[in-house]
Amino acid sequence: MSNIRWSVVVPETTDRALRTYLARKGGKKGDISRFIDEAVQARLFELTVENVKKRNRAYSQKEILEAIEEAVGAR
C-alpha cells in the first residue's frame, strides 16, 4: 500500500491540543498521520452508518429482519 501526502490546515488550538495529547501518550514520529488516518476512517464509518439508517427508515424493523434472515438463509 502506498501513502499519499496531504496538506492539512487546522486551527492552532487543534494542533496544540493534538500534539499535547500525543506527547502525553509518549508520541513518536508518524503519530499525527496515524491519528488523522484513524479519525478519517472513523468519520467515514459514521457517515456510512448514518446513510444506511436514513435509507432504511422507509422499512419497518420486521421488513429489515426478514431481509436479514433471507440473506443469511441463502448461504
N, C-alpha and C. Protein backbone atom coordinates (compact mmCIF):
# COMPACT_ATOMS: atom_id res chain seq x y z
N MET A 1 0.84 -1.18 0.00
CA MET A 1 0.00 0.00 0.00
C MET A 1 0.89 1.24 0.00
N SER A 2 0.60 2.16 -0.88
CA SER A 2 1.39 3.38 -0.92
C SER A 2 0.69 4.48 -0.12
N ASN A 3 1.47 5.39 0.37
CA ASN A 3 0.94 6.51 1.15
C ASN A 3 0.84 7.74 0.28
N ILE A 4 -0.14 8.56 0.57
CA ILE A 4 -0.37 9.82 -0.13
C ILE A 4 -0.11 10.95 0.86
N ARG A 5 0.57 11.98 0.40
CA ARG A 5 0.86 13.12 1.26
C ARG A 5 -0.27 14.14 1.14
N TRP A 6 -0.80 14.59 2.26
CA TRP A 6 -1.83 15.62 2.31
C TRP A 6 -1.24 16.87 2.93
N SER A 7 -1.76 18.00 2.52
CA SER A 7 -1.51 19.26 3.23
C SER A 7 -2.80 19.59 3.94
N VAL A 8 -2.74 19.65 5.24
CA VAL A 8 -3.94 19.86 6.04
C VAL A 8 -3.77 21.15 6.84
N VAL A 9 -4.80 21.96 6.87
CA VAL A 9 -4.77 23.21 7.64
C VAL A 9 -5.79 23.07 8.77
N VAL A 10 -5.31 23.27 10.00
CA VAL A 10 -6.18 23.22 11.17
C VAL A 10 -5.89 24.43 12.05
N PRO A 11 -6.83 24.78 12.91
CA PRO A 11 -6.57 25.89 13.83
C PRO A 11 -5.40 25.56 14.76
N GLU A 12 -4.70 26.61 15.18
CA GLU A 12 -3.56 26.42 16.07
C GLU A 12 -3.95 25.70 17.35
N THR A 13 -5.15 25.98 17.86
CA THR A 13 -5.60 25.33 19.10
C THR A 13 -5.76 23.82 18.90
N THR A 14 -6.23 23.41 17.73
CA THR A 14 -6.37 21.99 17.43
C THR A 14 -5.01 21.33 17.35
N ASP A 15 -4.07 22.00 16.68
CA ASP A 15 -2.71 21.47 16.56
C ASP A 15 -2.09 21.30 17.94
N ARG A 16 -2.20 22.31 18.76
CA ARG A 16 -1.62 22.27 20.09
C ARG A 16 -2.25 21.16 20.93
N ALA A 17 -3.56 21.05 20.86
CA ALA A 17 -4.27 20.02 21.65
C ALA A 17 -3.84 18.62 21.21
N LEU A 18 -3.74 18.40 19.91
CA LEU A 18 -3.33 17.08 19.42
C LEU A 18 -1.90 16.76 19.81
N ARG A 19 -1.00 17.71 19.60
CA ARG A 19 0.41 17.47 19.94
C ARG A 19 0.59 17.24 21.44
N THR A 20 -0.16 17.96 22.26
CA THR A 20 -0.10 17.76 23.70
C THR A 20 -0.60 16.37 24.07
N TYR A 21 -1.72 15.98 23.48
CA TYR A 21 -2.28 14.65 23.74
C TYR A 21 -1.28 13.56 23.36
N LEU A 22 -0.73 13.67 22.15
CA LEU A 22 0.21 12.65 21.68
C LEU A 22 1.47 12.62 22.53
N ALA A 23 1.94 13.78 22.96
CA ALA A 23 3.15 13.84 23.80
C ALA A 23 2.90 13.13 25.14
N ARG A 24 1.72 13.31 25.68
CA ARG A 24 1.38 12.64 26.95
C ARG A 24 1.33 11.13 26.80
N LYS A 25 0.99 10.68 25.60
CA LYS A 25 0.91 9.24 25.32
C LYS A 25 2.26 8.67 24.88
N GLY A 26 3.32 9.48 24.94
CA GLY A 26 4.63 9.01 24.52
C GLY A 26 4.77 9.00 23.01
N GLY A 27 4.23 10.03 22.38
CA GLY A 27 4.19 10.12 20.93
C GLY A 27 5.53 9.97 20.25
N LYS A 28 5.45 9.45 19.03
CA LYS A 28 6.65 9.30 18.22
C LYS A 28 6.35 9.72 16.79
N LYS A 29 7.35 9.71 15.96
CA LYS A 29 7.22 10.15 14.57
C LYS A 29 6.09 9.38 13.87
N GLY A 30 5.27 10.11 13.16
CA GLY A 30 4.18 9.50 12.40
C GLY A 30 2.87 9.41 13.15
N ASP A 31 2.87 9.78 14.43
CA ASP A 31 1.64 9.67 15.22
C ASP A 31 0.53 10.60 14.73
N ILE A 32 0.90 11.79 14.28
CA ILE A 32 -0.13 12.71 13.78
C ILE A 32 -0.80 12.12 12.54
N SER A 33 -0.01 11.56 11.64
CA SER A 33 -0.57 10.94 10.44
C SER A 33 -1.48 9.77 10.80
N ARG A 34 -1.05 8.93 11.74
CA ARG A 34 -1.88 7.79 12.17
C ARG A 34 -3.17 8.28 12.82
N PHE A 35 -3.06 9.33 13.63
CA PHE A 35 -4.24 9.88 14.29
C PHE A 35 -5.24 10.39 13.26
N ILE A 36 -4.76 11.13 12.28
CA ILE A 36 -5.64 11.66 11.23
C ILE A 36 -6.26 10.53 10.44
N ASP A 37 -5.47 9.52 10.09
CA ASP A 37 -5.99 8.38 9.33
C ASP A 37 -7.11 7.69 10.11
N GLU A 38 -6.88 7.42 11.40
CA GLU A 38 -7.90 6.78 12.21
C GLU A 38 -9.15 7.65 12.34
N ALA A 39 -8.96 8.95 12.49
CA ALA A 39 -10.10 9.87 12.62
C ALA A 39 -10.92 9.90 11.33
N VAL A 40 -10.25 9.93 10.20
CA VAL A 40 -10.95 9.95 8.91
C VAL A 40 -11.72 8.65 8.72
N GLN A 41 -11.08 7.52 9.02
CA GLN A 41 -11.75 6.22 8.88
C GLN A 41 -12.98 6.15 9.79
N ALA A 42 -12.84 6.63 11.02
CA ALA A 42 -13.98 6.61 11.96
C ALA A 42 -15.11 7.49 11.45
N ARG A 43 -14.78 8.66 10.93
CA ARG A 43 -15.81 9.58 10.43
C ARG A 43 -16.51 9.00 9.20
N LEU A 44 -15.74 8.39 8.31
CA LEU A 44 -16.34 7.76 7.13
C LEU A 44 -17.30 6.64 7.54
N PHE A 45 -16.92 5.88 8.55
CA PHE A 45 -17.80 4.82 9.05
C PHE A 45 -19.09 5.42 9.61
N GLU A 46 -18.96 6.49 10.42
CA GLU A 46 -20.14 7.17 10.98
C GLU A 46 -21.07 7.64 9.87
N LEU A 47 -20.52 8.26 8.84
CA LEU A 47 -21.33 8.77 7.74
C LEU A 47 -22.02 7.63 6.99
N THR A 48 -21.31 6.53 6.81
CA THR A 48 -21.90 5.37 6.14
C THR A 48 -23.07 4.82 6.95
N VAL A 49 -22.89 4.70 8.26
CA VAL A 49 -23.96 4.21 9.13
C VAL A 49 -25.16 5.16 9.08
N GLU A 50 -24.90 6.47 9.13
CA GLU A 50 -26.00 7.45 9.04
C GLU A 50 -26.77 7.27 7.73
N ASN A 51 -26.04 7.10 6.62
CA ASN A 51 -26.70 6.94 5.32
C ASN A 51 -27.53 5.66 5.26
N VAL A 52 -27.02 4.58 5.83
CA VAL A 52 -27.77 3.33 5.84
C VAL A 52 -29.03 3.48 6.69
N LYS A 53 -28.89 4.14 7.84
CA LYS A 53 -30.06 4.36 8.70
C LYS A 53 -31.12 5.19 7.99
N LYS A 54 -30.69 6.25 7.30
CA LYS A 54 -31.64 7.08 6.55
C LYS A 54 -32.35 6.27 5.47
N ARG A 55 -31.56 5.47 4.75
CA ARG A 55 -32.13 4.65 3.68
C ARG A 55 -33.13 3.64 4.24
N ASN A 56 -32.83 3.09 5.42
CA ASN A 56 -33.68 2.05 5.98
C ASN A 56 -34.90 2.57 6.73
N ARG A 57 -35.01 3.89 6.90
CA ARG A 57 -36.18 4.46 7.58
C ARG A 57 -37.48 4.14 6.83
N ALA A 58 -37.36 3.86 5.55
CA ALA A 58 -38.55 3.57 4.75
C ALA A 58 -39.11 2.17 5.04
N TYR A 59 -38.35 1.37 5.79
CA TYR A 59 -38.76 -0.01 6.06
C TYR A 59 -39.02 -0.21 7.55
N SER A 60 -39.94 -1.10 7.85
CA SER A 60 -40.20 -1.43 9.25
C SER A 60 -39.09 -2.36 9.75
N GLN A 61 -38.98 -2.45 11.07
CA GLN A 61 -37.98 -3.34 11.64
C GLN A 61 -38.25 -4.78 11.21
N LYS A 62 -39.51 -5.14 11.11
CA LYS A 62 -39.89 -6.50 10.69
C LYS A 62 -39.37 -6.77 9.28
N GLU A 63 -39.55 -5.82 8.37
CA GLU A 63 -39.08 -6.00 6.99
C GLU A 63 -37.55 -6.15 6.94
N ILE A 64 -36.87 -5.37 7.75
CA ILE A 64 -35.41 -5.43 7.78
C ILE A 64 -34.95 -6.78 8.31
N LEU A 65 -35.57 -7.23 9.42
CA LEU A 65 -35.18 -8.52 9.99
C LEU A 65 -35.48 -9.67 9.04
N GLU A 66 -36.60 -9.58 8.32
CA GLU A 66 -36.93 -10.62 7.33
C GLU A 66 -35.90 -10.65 6.20
N ALA A 67 -35.47 -9.47 5.76
CA ALA A 67 -34.46 -9.40 4.70
C ALA A 67 -33.13 -10.00 5.19
N ILE A 68 -32.78 -9.73 6.44
CA ILE A 68 -31.55 -10.29 7.00
C ILE A 68 -31.65 -11.81 7.08
N GLU A 69 -32.76 -12.31 7.59
CA GLU A 69 -32.95 -13.76 7.68
C GLU A 69 -32.88 -14.40 6.31
N GLU A 70 -33.51 -13.78 5.34
CA GLU A 70 -33.49 -14.30 3.97
C GLU A 70 -32.06 -14.33 3.42
N ALA A 71 -31.31 -13.28 3.64
CA ALA A 71 -29.94 -13.21 3.14
C ALA A 71 -29.05 -14.24 3.83
N VAL A 72 -29.19 -14.38 5.13
CA VAL A 72 -28.37 -15.34 5.88
C VAL A 72 -28.76 -16.76 5.52
N GLY A 73 -30.04 -16.98 5.34
CA GLY A 73 -30.51 -18.33 4.99
C GLY A 73 -30.14 -18.76 3.59
N ALA A 74 -29.82 -17.79 2.73
CA ALA A 74 -29.48 -18.09 1.34
C ALA A 74 -28.10 -18.67 1.18
N ARG A 75 -27.31 -18.67 2.23
CA ARG A 75 -25.94 -19.17 2.14
C ARG A 75 -25.88 -20.61 1.93
